[in-house]
Amino acid sequence: MLPELFCEKLKALLGEEYEAFLGALDRPRAVGLRLNPLKTSLHDRSGDWQRQSLSATVKLQLSTFNLSPVPWCETGYYYDPETRPGLYPYHDAGLYYLQEPSAMAPVALLDPSPGEKVLDLCAAPGGKTTQIAGRMENRGLLVCNEIHPKRAAVLASNVERLGVSNALVLNEHPARLAERFVGYFDRILVDAPCSGEGMFRKHDAAFTDWSPETVEMCARRQAEILDSAAGMLCPGGRLVYSTCTFSPEENEGTIEAFLRRHPEYELEPPALPYFAPGRPDWTPGGREALNLCCRLWPHKLRGEGHFAAVLHRTDGDAEAPDSEASVKIPQAAAELLRNLNVLLPEGQAMTWGDRVWFTPRGLPLLRGLKVLRPGLELAQLRGDRAEPAHALALWLHDAASVEDLSSEDPLVAAYLNGQTIPTGAAGWTLVRVDGLSLGWGKGVGGVLKNHYPKGLRTRK
């Protein structure tokens, strides 16, 4: 049952469209997944990438999910919810990310490119971050931030699962980042915390916690976050603001107020033709340019609903923070990588505690920041030896020793449950399912000792 005050509000706003809107909420939810380009690419020492086709086996399994394209996302697909792709081992391998189709729109509007400096300011749980990473092909610097520690941990886990190597994962307040990164980023995504009206059918708490006061509180918080983001974009850069709510106070109203505070910004026409325009008439004193905003209505497309605005910074100051210096990889880790036949692209490395990381080129100084991941974890040092990191396995496509399993083989479930499996391999071995990397094992005496992380082993 939808909140009564919400229904009254939407009826007044939508008029004749209101019944169609309600009818759309009675239909089954559209569910989607995004294929991960980082799992279908090869990299070399220079950082160049070459596309490769998915194997016939993988394509055949994907076809059983009854996929159909999401028009506004080139890697997005609707799927049949009864097929439950989240329980399939390809999900563990990071081949795809389950994501509501409307939520794929903001990154498509952001349009990030390889080599850029990009900020995802409110990034958890990681759907849009990993979508950005795929568009960047692991080149450039992707800073993804989440203010809540538990949600930041989930963000870091998804960055790892999808094989992202150029992400700096932070757990910071936006205002603190604004002090560090003045005019620094080429593109910024602000997928702001909101009243979640587009998530009423997905999360019960979204409508049980809803109230007009919640909408007002969210609008105030969104203004603060946007003000922090405003100073971090470089002149000529692009900022996309998005929510999963319908309230004008959090959408057109937030953008109108932002433009008044920041005359150095202007709205850009969206490059995608799939969405309804914004509604200047729903915001007192709203400028006509608000019709350049995008509204995704559930009665006009297959999705739960979203709002987005594309903003361009016309002028301002730019500043490059100091960068971390390159650090030589410790001998034990370097020897491990040679034995595994791992070829890293050009970049830099750092040792952080007992962990060795491959970091994005130009990584800013981390001093004073709450860092969860400074890049791709390569190895853990244990005295005079090193063990390969799980993140490295998920980034790799191949290694010196590989144990290839079929997705139909019961040994896949056994491995994901932490069990040892028979093998002819010796030493550190990359375990793959239908050619997609899952994790590490160590071959000893005809069995593969399991090194799949214990926290990931629970299987349904």
Protein backbone atom coordinates (compact mmCIF):
# COMPACT_ATOMS: atom_id res chain seq x y z
CA MET A 1 0.00 0.00 0.00
CA LEU A 2 1.51 3.32 -1.10
CA PRO A 3 1.58 6.23 1.38
CA GLU A 4 -1.64 8.23 1.08
CA LEU A 5 0.10 11.61 1.01
CA PHE A 6 2.42 10.36 -1.73
CA CYS A 7 -0.56 9.27 -3.85
CA GLU A 8 -2.29 12.60 -3.39
CA LYS A 9 0.89 14.43 -4.39
CA LEU A 10 1.51 12.34 -7.52
CA LYS A 11 -2.14 12.59 -8.57
CA ALA A 12 -1.92 16.38 -8.42
CA LEU A 13 1.32 16.39 -10.39
CA LEU A 14 0.49 13.81 -13.05
CA GLY A 15 -3.19 14.58 -13.63
CA GLU A 16 -4.48 12.36 -16.43
CA GLU A 17 -1.30 10.24 -16.34
CA TYR A 18 -1.80 9.23 -12.72
CA GLU A 19 -3.85 6.10 -13.43
CA ALA A 20 -1.25 4.90 -15.94
CA PHE A 21 1.43 5.49 -13.30
CA LEU A 22 -0.48 3.40 -10.73
CA GLY A 23 -1.09 0.70 -13.33
CA ALA A 24 2.63 0.45 -14.01
CA LEU A 25 3.28 -0.16 -10.31
CA ASP A 26 0.86 -3.11 -10.42
CA ARG A 27 2.88 -4.81 -13.16
CA PRO A 28 5.83 -7.11 -12.30
CA ARG A 29 9.07 -5.26 -11.70
CA ALA A 30 11.56 -5.06 -14.55
CA VAL A 31 14.91 -6.53 -13.51
CA GLY A 32 18.21 -6.08 -15.28
CA LEU A 33 21.87 -6.96 -15.44
CA ARG A 34 24.88 -5.30 -17.01
CA LEU A 35 27.56 -7.33 -18.73
CA ASN A 36 31.01 -6.34 -17.51
CA PRO A 37 33.33 -5.26 -20.36
CA LEU A 38 36.35 -5.75 -18.09
CA LYS A 39 35.70 -9.49 -18.23
CA THR A 40 35.71 -9.62 -22.02
CA SER A 41 38.91 -7.65 -22.67
CA LEU A 42 42.62 -8.42 -22.75
CA HIS A 43 45.31 -6.04 -21.54
CA ASP A 44 49.06 -5.84 -22.18
CA ARG A 45 52.01 -4.03 -20.64
CA SER A 46 51.24 -0.80 -22.47
CA GLY A 47 47.73 -0.69 -21.06
CA ASP A 48 46.13 -1.29 -24.47
CA TRP A 49 42.94 -3.31 -24.54
CA GLN A 50 41.62 -5.70 -27.15
CA ARG A 51 38.06 -6.95 -27.15
CA GLN A 52 37.39 -10.66 -27.26
CA SER A 53 34.17 -12.55 -27.73
CA LEU A 54 32.54 -14.54 -24.97
CA SER A 55 32.86 -18.29 -25.40
CA ALA A 56 30.03 -20.24 -26.97
CA THR A 57 29.37 -21.90 -23.59
CA VAL A 58 29.00 -18.57 -21.82
CA LYS A 59 26.78 -17.18 -24.57
CA LEU A 60 24.57 -20.27 -24.40
CA GLN A 61 24.11 -19.90 -20.65
CA LEU A 62 23.38 -16.19 -20.95
CA SER A 63 20.68 -17.00 -23.48
CA THR A 64 18.85 -19.03 -20.82
CA PHE A 65 18.33 -15.79 -18.87
CA ASN A 66 16.05 -14.58 -21.72
CA LEU A 67 17.96 -11.32 -22.14
CA SER A 68 16.60 -8.33 -24.03
CA PRO A 69 18.46 -4.99 -24.44
CA VAL A 70 18.01 -1.97 -22.18
CA PRO A 71 17.84 0.82 -24.81
CA TRP A 72 19.83 3.43 -22.88
CA CYS A 73 22.74 1.17 -21.83
CA GLU A 74 24.83 -0.68 -24.39
CA THR A 75 25.80 -3.38 -21.87
CA GLY A 76 22.42 -3.54 -20.09
CA TYR A 77 19.79 -6.26 -20.44
CA TYR A 78 16.44 -7.16 -18.96
CA TYR A 79 16.27 -10.75 -17.75
CA ASP A 80 13.61 -13.21 -16.66
CA PRO A 81 13.62 -13.07 -12.82
CA GLU A 82 12.78 -16.77 -12.60
CA THR A 83 16.21 -17.60 -14.09
CA ARG A 84 18.00 -16.05 -11.05
CA PRO A 85 21.39 -15.21 -12.62
CA GLY A 86 22.66 -14.01 -9.24
CA LEU A 87 22.97 -17.65 -8.15
CA TYR A 88 25.03 -18.63 -11.18
CA PRO A 89 28.87 -18.84 -10.90
CA TYR A 90 29.27 -16.20 -13.62
CA HIS A 91 28.03 -13.70 -11.02
CA ASP A 92 30.84 -14.76 -8.66
CA ALA A 93 33.25 -14.31 -11.56
CA GLY A 94 32.05 -10.73 -12.08
CA LEU A 95 30.74 -11.26 -15.61
CA TYR A 96 27.68 -9.15 -14.79
CA TYR A 97 26.19 -6.88 -12.17
CA LEU A 98 22.50 -7.08 -11.25
CA GLN A 99 21.07 -3.58 -11.54
CA GLU A 100 17.64 -1.99 -11.88
CA PRO A 101 17.39 -0.82 -15.53
CA SER A 102 16.52 2.82 -14.74
CA ALA A 103 19.66 3.05 -12.60
CA MET A 104 21.81 2.41 -15.68
CA ALA A 105 20.82 5.79 -17.19
CA PRO A 106 22.97 8.26 -15.15
CA VAL A 107 26.29 6.72 -16.20
CA ALA A 108 25.15 6.63 -19.82
CA LEU A 109 24.52 10.38 -19.49
CA LEU A 110 27.86 10.92 -17.71
CA ASP A 111 29.62 9.23 -20.68
CA PRO A 112 33.05 8.68 -19.07
CA SER A 113 36.03 7.81 -21.25
CA PRO A 114 39.32 5.91 -20.73
CA GLY A 115 42.08 8.05 -19.26
CA GLU A 116 39.85 10.58 -17.51
CA LYS A 117 39.66 11.46 -13.82
CA VAL A 118 36.16 10.54 -12.63
CA LEU A 119 34.45 10.82 -9.23
CA ASP A 120 31.45 8.78 -8.09
CA LEU A 121 30.66 10.73 -4.93
CA CYS A 122 27.84 8.61 -3.40
CA ALA A 123 28.94 5.29 -4.80
CA ALA A 124 27.61 2.37 -2.69
CA PRO A 125 26.73 -0.36 -3.39
CA GLY A 126 28.78 0.01 -6.58
CA GLY A 127 26.43 -0.45 -9.53
CA LYS A 128 27.22 2.90 -11.10
CA THR A 129 30.89 2.76 -10.08
CA THR A 130 31.42 -0.54 -11.86
CA GLN A 131 29.47 0.73 -14.86
CA ILE A 132 31.82 3.75 -15.00
CA ALA A 133 34.84 1.44 -14.67
CA GLY A 134 33.68 -0.61 -17.64
CA ARG A 135 33.37 2.53 -19.75
CA MET A 136 36.88 3.63 -18.64
CA GLU A 137 38.43 0.24 -19.52
CA ASN A 138 40.45 0.40 -16.29
CA ARG A 139 42.39 3.43 -17.63
CA GLY A 140 42.52 6.78 -15.84
CA LEU A 141 41.56 7.38 -12.22
CA LEU A 142 38.17 6.48 -10.77
CA VAL A 143 37.57 7.78 -7.25
CA CYS A 144 34.51 6.19 -5.68
CA ASN A 145 33.36 7.38 -2.27
CA GLU A 146 30.79 6.34 0.29
CA ILE A 147 30.27 8.14 3.59
CA HIS A 148 28.77 5.16 5.50
CA PRO A 149 31.46 2.59 6.49
CA LYS A 150 29.37 -0.59 6.07
CA ARG A 151 28.10 0.52 2.67
CA ALA A 152 31.64 1.50 1.70
CA ALA A 153 32.76 -2.07 2.46
CA VAL A 154 30.08 -3.42 0.10
CA LEU A 155 31.25 -0.94 -2.54
CA ALA A 156 34.84 -2.17 -2.19
CA SER A 157 33.70 -5.79 -2.51
CA ASN A 158 31.84 -5.13 -5.75
CA VAL A 159 34.80 -3.18 -7.17
CA GLU A 160 36.93 -6.25 -6.47
CA ARG A 161 34.44 -8.76 -7.90
CA LEU A 162 34.17 -6.95 -11.22
CA GLY A 163 37.93 -6.76 -11.73
CA VAL A 164 38.34 -2.98 -11.43
CA SER A 165 41.99 -1.94 -11.16
CA ASN A 166 41.86 1.88 -11.46
CA ALA A 167 39.55 2.66 -8.53
CA LEU A 168 40.44 4.50 -5.34
CA VAL A 169 37.73 3.52 -2.83
CA LEU A 170 37.19 6.07 -0.06
CA ASN A 171 35.01 6.38 3.05
CA GLU A 172 34.84 10.17 3.42
CA HIS A 173 32.48 13.09 3.88
CA PRO A 174 32.02 14.94 0.56
CA ALA A 175 33.05 18.23 2.17
CA ARG A 176 36.46 16.79 3.08
CA LEU A 177 37.01 15.64 -0.50
CA ALA A 178 36.05 19.10 -1.75
CA GLU A 179 38.99 20.52 0.22
CA ARG A 180 41.41 18.04 -1.37
CA PHE A 181 40.25 17.95 -5.01
CA VAL A 182 39.66 21.53 -6.16
CA GLY A 183 38.74 21.58 -9.86
CA TYR A 184 40.31 18.14 -10.29
CA PHE A 185 37.82 15.81 -11.96
CA ASP A 186 36.76 15.64 -15.61
CA ARG A 187 33.42 14.07 -14.71
CA ILE A 188 31.47 13.67 -11.48
CA LEU A 189 28.43 11.55 -10.72
CA VAL A 190 26.25 12.53 -7.76
CA ASP A 191 23.70 9.74 -7.38
CA ALA A 192 22.30 11.40 -4.30
CA PRO A 193 20.65 9.80 -1.27
CA CYS A 194 16.93 10.46 -1.68
CA SER A 195 13.47 9.54 -0.42
CA GLY A 196 13.54 6.51 -2.74
CA GLU A 197 10.05 6.76 -4.21
CA GLY A 198 11.22 4.77 -7.21
CA MET A 199 12.18 1.92 -4.87
CA PHE A 200 8.80 1.51 -3.13
CA ARG A 201 8.22 -1.90 -4.73
CA LYS A 202 11.76 -3.13 -4.12
CA HIS A 203 12.27 -2.09 -0.49
CA ASP A 204 9.45 -1.97 2.09
CA ALA A 205 11.43 0.56 4.14
CA ALA A 206 11.32 2.98 1.21
CA PHE A 207 7.58 3.61 1.70
CA THR A 208 7.28 2.90 5.44
CA ASP A 209 9.92 5.60 6.10
CA TRP A 210 8.49 8.05 3.54
CA SER A 211 6.98 11.36 4.64
CA PRO A 212 6.91 14.96 3.37
CA GLU A 213 9.46 15.73 6.08
CA THR A 214 11.77 13.03 4.70
CA VAL A 215 11.55 14.62 1.26
CA GLU A 216 12.50 18.01 2.69
CA MET A 217 15.37 16.53 4.69
CA CYS A 218 16.70 14.75 1.60
CA ALA A 219 16.54 17.95 -0.45
CA ARG A 220 18.67 19.77 2.14
CA ARG A 221 21.23 16.97 2.18
CA GLN A 222 21.34 16.86 -1.61
CA ALA A 223 22.09 20.58 -1.73
CA GLU A 224 25.07 20.10 0.60
CA ILE A 225 26.44 17.20 -1.45
CA LEU A 226 26.03 19.10 -4.72
CA ASP A 227 27.83 22.12 -3.30
CA SER A 228 30.76 19.88 -2.39
CA ALA A 229 30.77 18.35 -5.86
CA ALA A 230 30.60 21.72 -7.60
CA GLY A 231 34.10 22.78 -6.62
CA MET A 232 35.69 19.45 -7.56
CA LEU A 233 34.81 19.57 -11.28
CA CYS A 234 37.30 21.10 -13.69
CA PRO A 235 36.25 23.92 -16.04
CA GLY A 236 34.53 22.36 -19.05
CA GLY A 237 33.74 19.20 -17.08
CA ARG A 238 30.43 17.34 -16.76
CA LEU A 239 28.46 16.64 -13.58
CA VAL A 240 25.44 14.32 -13.58
CA TYR A 241 23.00 14.55 -10.68
CA SER A 242 20.54 11.69 -10.26
CA THR A 243 17.96 10.29 -7.83
CA CYS A 244 15.54 7.37 -7.73
CA THR A 245 12.64 9.53 -6.57
CA PHE A 246 9.78 11.45 -8.22
CA SER A 247 9.55 14.43 -5.84
CA PRO A 248 10.17 17.77 -7.60
CA GLU A 249 11.69 19.11 -4.36
CA GLU A 250 14.56 16.61 -4.74
CA ASN A 251 14.81 16.87 -8.52
CA GLU A 252 13.98 20.02 -10.49
CA GLY A 253 13.83 22.00 -7.24
CA THR A 254 17.30 20.87 -6.19
CA ILE A 255 18.75 21.68 -9.61
CA GLU A 256 17.06 25.12 -9.75
CA ALA A 257 18.47 26.04 -6.35
CA PHE A 258 21.91 24.71 -7.32
CA LEU A 259 22.01 26.81 -10.49
CA ARG A 260 21.14 29.91 -8.48
CA ARG A 261 24.02 29.23 -6.08
CA HIS A 262 26.41 28.25 -8.87
CA PRO A 263 26.08 30.46 -11.96
CA GLU A 264 29.22 28.82 -13.35
CA TYR A 265 27.06 25.79 -14.16
CA GLU A 266 24.48 25.31 -16.89
CA LEU A 267 22.23 22.44 -17.96
CA GLU A 268 23.16 20.40 -21.03
CA PRO A 269 20.68 18.65 -23.35
CA PRO A 270 20.75 14.90 -22.67
CA ALA A 271 22.36 12.84 -25.42
CA LEU A 272 19.80 10.04 -25.02
CA PRO A 273 16.28 10.34 -26.48
CA TYR A 274 14.57 7.73 -24.33
CA PHE A 275 13.37 9.82 -21.39
CA ALA A 276 10.64 12.32 -20.56
CA PRO A 277 11.73 15.94 -19.99
CA GLY A 278 11.96 17.67 -16.64
CA ARG A 279 9.04 19.76 -15.38
CA PRO A 280 9.90 23.43 -14.74
CA ASP A 281 6.23 24.03 -13.89
CA TRP A 282 6.55 21.81 -10.80
CA THR A 283 9.12 24.14 -9.22
CA PRO A 284 8.09 27.68 -8.20
CA GLY A 285 10.19 30.10 -10.21
CA GLY A 286 11.81 27.24 -12.08
CA ARG A 287 13.68 28.26 -15.23
CA GLU A 288 12.58 26.86 -18.59
CA ALA A 289 15.95 25.10 -18.99
CA LEU A 290 14.81 22.57 -16.37
CA ASN A 291 13.03 20.78 -19.20
CA LEU A 292 16.53 19.56 -20.18
CA CYS A 293 16.45 17.31 -17.11
CA CYS A 294 15.45 13.68 -17.62
CA ARG A 295 12.60 11.82 -15.96
CA LEU A 296 12.26 8.04 -16.22
CA TRP A 297 8.66 7.15 -15.47
CA PRO A 298 7.61 3.51 -14.88
CA HIS A 299 4.51 4.01 -17.04
CA LYS A 300 6.62 5.22 -19.97
CA LEU A 301 9.46 2.69 -19.99
CA ARG A 302 10.54 -0.62 -18.42
CA GLY A 303 12.05 0.55 -15.16
CA GLU A 304 11.18 1.68 -11.65
CA GLY A 305 11.90 5.35 -12.24
CA HIS A 306 14.78 7.82 -12.03
CA PHE A 307 15.68 11.47 -12.44
CA ALA A 308 18.88 12.88 -13.94
CA ALA A 309 20.32 16.26 -14.86
CA VAL A 310 23.45 16.82 -16.95
CA LEU A 311 25.40 19.90 -15.83
CA HIS A 312 28.37 21.62 -17.51
CA ARG A 313 30.88 23.80 -15.68
CA THR A 314 31.69 26.86 -17.77
CA ASP A 315 34.53 28.33 -15.69
CA GLY A 316 36.36 28.04 -12.38
CA ASP A 317 39.69 27.09 -10.85
CA ALA A 318 41.59 23.87 -11.45
CA GLU A 319 44.17 22.33 -9.16
CA ALA A 320 46.18 19.10 -9.34
CA PRO A 321 46.75 17.44 -5.94
CA ASP A 322 50.19 16.03 -5.24
CA SER A 323 50.62 12.44 -6.37
CA GLU A 324 51.90 9.37 -4.61
CA ALA A 325 55.43 8.42 -5.69
CA SER A 326 56.04 5.13 -7.47
CA VAL A 327 57.28 2.37 -5.17
CA LYS A 328 59.26 -0.67 -6.24
CA ILE A 329 57.36 -3.93 -5.81
CA PRO A 330 58.90 -5.98 -2.97
CA GLN A 331 61.05 -8.86 -4.21
CA ALA A 332 58.75 -11.60 -2.90
CA ALA A 333 55.74 -10.08 -4.66
CA ALA A 334 57.69 -9.43 -7.87
CA GLU A 335 58.86 -13.05 -7.91
CA LEU A 336 55.32 -14.28 -7.33
CA LEU A 337 54.00 -12.23 -10.25
CA ARG A 338 56.75 -13.56 -12.52
CA ASN A 339 55.95 -17.14 -11.54
CA LEU A 340 52.25 -16.53 -12.23
CA ASN A 341 53.13 -14.93 -15.59
CA VAL A 342 51.25 -11.78 -14.66
CA LEU A 343 51.90 -8.82 -16.97
CA LEU A 344 50.93 -5.51 -15.41
CA PRO A 345 50.21 -2.48 -17.61
CA GLU A 346 52.27 0.65 -17.12
CA GLY A 347 51.55 2.24 -13.77
CA GLN A 348 52.87 2.31 -10.25
CA ALA A 349 52.83 0.13 -7.16
CA MET A 350 52.71 0.74 -3.46
CA THR A 351 53.08 -1.32 -0.30
CA TRP A 352 50.44 -0.57 2.30
CA GLY A 353 50.92 -2.53 5.50
CA ASP A 354 51.45 -6.13 4.43
CA ARG A 355 49.62 -5.66 1.12
CA VAL A 356 51.03 -4.80 -2.31
CA TRP A 357 48.85 -2.76 -4.67
CA PHE A 358 48.92 -1.74 -8.31
CA THR A 359 47.66 1.83 -8.29
CA PRO A 360 46.23 4.13 -10.96
CA ARG A 361 48.74 6.41 -12.61
CA GLY A 362 48.74 9.82 -10.90
CA LEU A 363 47.15 8.47 -7.71
CA PRO A 364 46.71 11.48 -5.38
CA LEU A 365 48.31 11.59 -1.97
CA LEU A 366 46.32 9.42 0.44
CA ARG A 367 47.54 11.00 3.67
CA GLY A 368 44.56 11.95 5.85
CA LEU A 369 41.99 10.06 3.76
CA LYS A 370 40.01 6.99 4.85
CA VAL A 371 41.08 4.55 2.13
CA LEU A 372 39.54 1.12 1.63
CA ARG A 373 41.27 0.30 -1.65
CA PRO A 374 44.02 2.34 -3.38
CA GLY A 375 43.79 0.29 -6.58
CA LEU A 376 44.20 -3.38 -7.45
CA GLU A 377 45.45 -5.60 -4.63
CA LEU A 378 48.23 -7.82 -5.99
CA ALA A 379 49.53 -9.79 -3.04
CA GLN A 380 49.82 -10.17 0.70
CA LEU A 381 53.31 -10.35 2.19
CA ARG A 382 53.95 -13.10 4.69
CA GLY A 383 57.53 -12.72 5.87
CA ASP A 384 59.85 -13.53 2.97
CA ARG A 385 57.07 -14.87 0.74
CA ALA A 386 53.94 -13.51 -0.92
CA GLU A 387 50.49 -14.90 -1.63
CA PRO A 388 48.36 -13.70 -4.57
CA ALA A 389 45.31 -11.58 -3.73
CA HIS A 390 41.77 -12.62 -4.63
CA ALA A 391 41.37 -9.29 -6.43
CA LEU A 392 44.27 -10.19 -8.71
CA ALA A 393 42.56 -13.44 -9.69
CA LEU A 394 39.35 -11.61 -10.62
CA TRP A 395 41.33 -9.10 -12.70
CA LEU A 396 43.27 -11.77 -14.60
CA HIS A 397 42.15 -13.72 -17.64
CA ASP A 398 45.04 -16.18 -17.61
CA ALA A 399 48.00 -17.34 -15.53
CA ALA A 400 50.92 -19.77 -15.72
CA SER A 401 48.82 -22.50 -14.09
CA VAL A 402 45.07 -22.74 -14.69
CA GLU A 403 42.35 -25.13 -13.54
CA ASP A 404 39.48 -24.87 -16.03
CA LEU A 405 36.06 -26.08 -14.87
CA SER A 406 32.76 -26.26 -16.67
CA SER A 407 29.83 -24.41 -15.15
CA GLU A 408 27.96 -27.73 -15.17
CA ASP A 409 30.69 -29.43 -13.15
CA PRO A 410 29.81 -30.03 -9.44
CA LEU A 411 33.40 -29.09 -8.63
CA VAL A 412 32.50 -25.42 -9.23
CA ALA A 413 30.06 -25.45 -6.31
CA ALA A 414 32.60 -27.37 -4.25
CA TYR A 415 35.26 -24.76 -4.93
CA LEU A 416 32.93 -21.85 -4.13
CA ASN A 417 32.06 -23.63 -0.86
CA GLY A 418 35.74 -23.72 0.11
CA GLN A 419 36.37 -27.40 -0.53
CA THR A 420 39.53 -28.90 -1.99
CA ILE A 421 39.20 -30.33 -5.50
CA PRO A 422 41.32 -32.82 -7.46
CA THR A 423 43.91 -31.38 -9.84
CA GLY A 424 47.00 -32.15 -11.84
CA ALA A 425 48.35 -28.65 -11.27
CA ALA A 426 51.14 -27.68 -8.91
CA GLY A 427 51.60 -24.42 -7.07
CA TRP A 428 49.42 -21.33 -7.29
CA THR A 429 46.66 -21.98 -9.82
CA LEU A 430 43.98 -19.73 -11.27
CA VAL A 431 40.56 -21.42 -11.07
CA ARG A 432 38.23 -20.54 -13.96
CA VAL A 433 34.67 -21.41 -14.87
CA ASP A 434 34.06 -21.53 -18.63
CA GLY A 435 37.14 -19.35 -19.04
CA LEU A 436 36.09 -16.77 -16.41
CA SER A 437 38.36 -16.35 -13.37
CA LEU A 438 36.95 -17.25 -9.96
CA GLY A 439 39.91 -17.29 -7.55
CA TRP A 440 43.08 -19.08 -6.46
CA GLY A 441 43.94 -22.59 -5.40
CA LYS A 442 47.30 -24.17 -4.63
CA GLY A 443 48.06 -27.55 -6.15
CA VAL A 444 49.75 -29.96 -3.75
CA GLY A 445 49.84 -33.76 -4.07
CA GLY A 446 47.02 -34.06 -6.60
CA VAL A 447 44.55 -31.75 -4.83
CA LEU A 448 43.90 -28.04 -5.14
CA LYS A 449 43.94 -26.43 -1.70
CA ASN A 450 41.18 -23.84 -1.61
CA HIS A 451 42.04 -20.15 -1.30
CA TYR A 452 38.62 -18.77 -2.12
CA PRO A 453 37.93 -16.08 0.55
CA LYS A 454 36.01 -17.45 3.52
CA GLY A 455 33.67 -14.46 3.60
CA LEU A 456 32.43 -15.30 0.10
CA ARG A 457 31.88 -19.02 0.58
CA THR A 458 28.24 -19.18 1.67
CA ARG A 459 26.23 -20.61 -1.21
CA LYS A 460 22.48 -21.02 -1.56
